[in-house]
Amino acid sequence: MYFKRLKDLRIDNDYLQKDIAKYLGITQQYYSRYELGQFTIPIEQIIKLAKLYDVSIDYIVGLSDEKKIKTRKK
């Protein structure tokens, strides 16, 4: 599945593919295939990326245009 925001987030945060690949424990070539939509990204990797970029998983996968999840006050 292709997630366009992966590349956008990486570039906006001044990371190279090799930086993200090292963070995820994979090769740069493998990470490149995530960005191109050639490989399905495991949920564990999406969670790590959401934490790294401080955005919601929904934002990464394109289900929301809000970078952060809005929480309700009690």
C-alpha atoms as a PDB file:
ATOM      1  CA  MET A   1       0.000   0.000   0.000  1.00  0.00           C
ATOM      2  CA  TYR A   2       1.294   3.448  -0.937  1.00  0.00           C
ATOM      3  CA  PHE A   3       1.407   6.165   1.731  1.00  0.00           C
ATOM      4  CA  LYS A   4       2.479   9.437   0.097  1.00  0.00           C
ATOM      5  CA  ARG A   5       2.945  11.110   3.453  1.00  0.00           C
ATOM      6  CA  LEU A   6       5.888   8.872   4.348  1.00  0.00           C
ATOM      7  CA  LYS A   7       8.150  10.723   1.956  1.00  0.00           C
ATOM      8  CA  ASP A   8       6.673  14.115   2.806  1.00  0.00           C
ATOM      9  CA  LEU A   9       7.194  13.584   6.541  1.00  0.00           C
ATOM     10  CA  ARG A  10      10.739  12.379   6.000  1.00  0.00           C
ATOM     11  CA  ILE A  11      11.658  15.379   3.873  1.00  0.00           C
ATOM     12  CA  ASP A  12       9.869  17.862   6.161  1.00  0.00           C
ATOM     13  CA  ASN A  13      11.926  16.528   9.069  1.00  0.00           C
ATOM     14  CA  ASP A  14      15.232  16.631   7.144  1.00  0.00           C
ATOM     15  CA  TYR A  15      15.838  12.880   7.212  1.00  0.00           C
ATOM     16  CA  LEU A  16      17.382  10.762   4.497  1.00  0.00           C
ATOM     17  CA  GLN A  17      15.983   7.352   3.631  1.00  0.00           C
ATOM     18  CA  LYS A  18      19.066   5.774   5.194  1.00  0.00           C
ATOM     19  CA  ASP A  19      18.318   7.590   8.487  1.00  0.00           C
ATOM     20  CA  ILE A  20      14.783   6.220   8.655  1.00  0.00           C
ATOM     21  CA  ALA A  21      15.908   2.768   7.558  1.00  0.00           C
ATOM     22  CA  LYS A  22      18.472   2.667  10.363  1.00  0.00           C
ATOM     23  CA  TYR A  23      15.815   3.782  12.875  1.00  0.00           C
ATOM     24  CA  LEU A  24      13.518   0.975  11.693  1.00  0.00           C
ATOM     25  CA  GLY A  25      16.312  -1.604  11.553  1.00  0.00           C
ATOM     26  CA  ILE A  26      16.011  -2.248   7.824  1.00  0.00           C
ATOM     27  CA  THR A  27      18.059  -1.393   4.731  1.00  0.00           C
ATOM     28  CA  GLN A  28      17.650   1.849   2.810  1.00  0.00           C
ATOM     29  CA  GLN A  29      16.577  -0.154  -0.242  1.00  0.00           C
ATOM     30  CA  TYR A  30      13.849  -1.865   1.751  1.00  0.00           C
ATOM     31  CA  TYR A  31      12.632   1.449   3.180  1.00  0.00           C
ATOM     32  CA  SER A  32      12.599   2.949  -0.309  1.00  0.00           C
ATOM     33  CA  ARG A  33      10.126   0.262  -1.305  1.00  0.00           C
ATOM     34  CA  TYR A  34       7.858   1.322   1.565  1.00  0.00           C
ATOM     35  CA  GLU A  35       7.814   4.863   0.175  1.00  0.00           C
ATOM     36  CA  LEU A  36       7.114   3.577  -3.327  1.00  0.00           C
ATOM     37  CA  GLY A  37       4.291   1.335  -2.114  1.00  0.00           C
ATOM     38  CA  GLN A  38       6.043  -1.806  -3.296  1.00  0.00           C
ATOM     39  CA  PHE A  39       6.101  -3.388   0.174  1.00  0.00           C
ATOM     40  CA  THR A  40       3.405  -3.399   2.828  1.00  0.00           C
ATOM     41  CA  ILE A  41       4.574  -1.676   5.981  1.00  0.00           C
ATOM     42  CA  PRO A  42       4.064  -3.716   9.155  1.00  0.00           C
ATOM     43  CA  ILE A  43       1.966  -1.963  11.786  1.00  0.00           C
ATOM     44  CA  GLU A  44       4.920  -2.009  14.175  1.00  0.00           C
ATOM     45  CA  GLN A  45       6.890   0.098  11.703  1.00  0.00           C
ATOM     46  CA  ILE A  46       3.999   2.532  11.228  1.00  0.00           C
ATOM     47  CA  ILE A  47       3.775   2.960  15.001  1.00  0.00           C
ATOM     48  CA  LYS A  48       7.495   3.695  15.198  1.00  0.00           C
ATOM     49  CA  LEU A  49       7.204   6.258  12.405  1.00  0.00           C
ATOM     50  CA  ALA A  50       4.224   7.933  14.073  1.00  0.00           C
ATOM     51  CA  LYS A  51       6.254   8.285  17.264  1.00  0.00           C
ATOM     52  CA  LEU A  52       9.310   9.566  15.405  1.00  0.00           C
ATOM     53  CA  TYR A  53       7.353  12.223  13.515  1.00  0.00           C
ATOM     54  CA  ASP A  54       4.970  12.921  16.423  1.00  0.00           C
ATOM     55  CA  VAL A  55       1.883  12.413  14.267  1.00  0.00           C
ATOM     56  CA  SER A  56      -1.063  10.046  14.361  1.00  0.00           C
ATOM     57  CA  ILE A  57      -1.111   6.772  12.481  1.00  0.00           C
ATOM     58  CA  ASP A  58      -4.274   7.998  10.765  1.00  0.00           C
ATOM     59  CA  TYR A  59      -2.311  10.948   9.391  1.00  0.00           C
ATOM     60  CA  ILE A  60       0.473   8.716   8.042  1.00  0.00           C
ATOM     61  CA  VAL A  61      -1.946   6.395   6.246  1.00  0.00           C
ATOM     62  CA  GLY A  62      -4.102   9.232   4.906  1.00  0.00           C
ATOM     63  CA  LEU A  63      -7.250   8.650   6.961  1.00  0.00           C
ATOM     64  CA  SER A  64      -7.007  12.100   8.509  1.00  0.00           C
ATOM     65  CA  ASP A  65      -5.547  15.463   7.613  1.00  0.00           C
ATOM     66  CA  GLU A  66      -5.011  16.232  11.306  1.00  0.00           C
ATOM     67  CA  LYS A  67      -1.439  15.479  12.344  1.00  0.00           C
ATOM     68  CA  LYS A  68      -2.389  14.921  15.975  1.00  0.00           C
ATOM     69  CA  ILE A  69      -5.326  13.151  17.520  1.00  0.00           C
ATOM     70  CA  LYS A  70      -7.554  15.577  19.328  1.00  0.00           C
ATOM     71  CA  THR A  71      -8.284  14.408  22.841  1.00  0.00           C
ATOM     72  CA  ARG A  72     -11.399  15.224  24.787  1.00  0.00           C
ATOM     73  CA  LYS A  73     -11.087  16.965  28.096  1.00  0.00           C
ATOM     74  CA  LYS A  74     -12.754  15.261  31.044  1.00  0.00           C
END
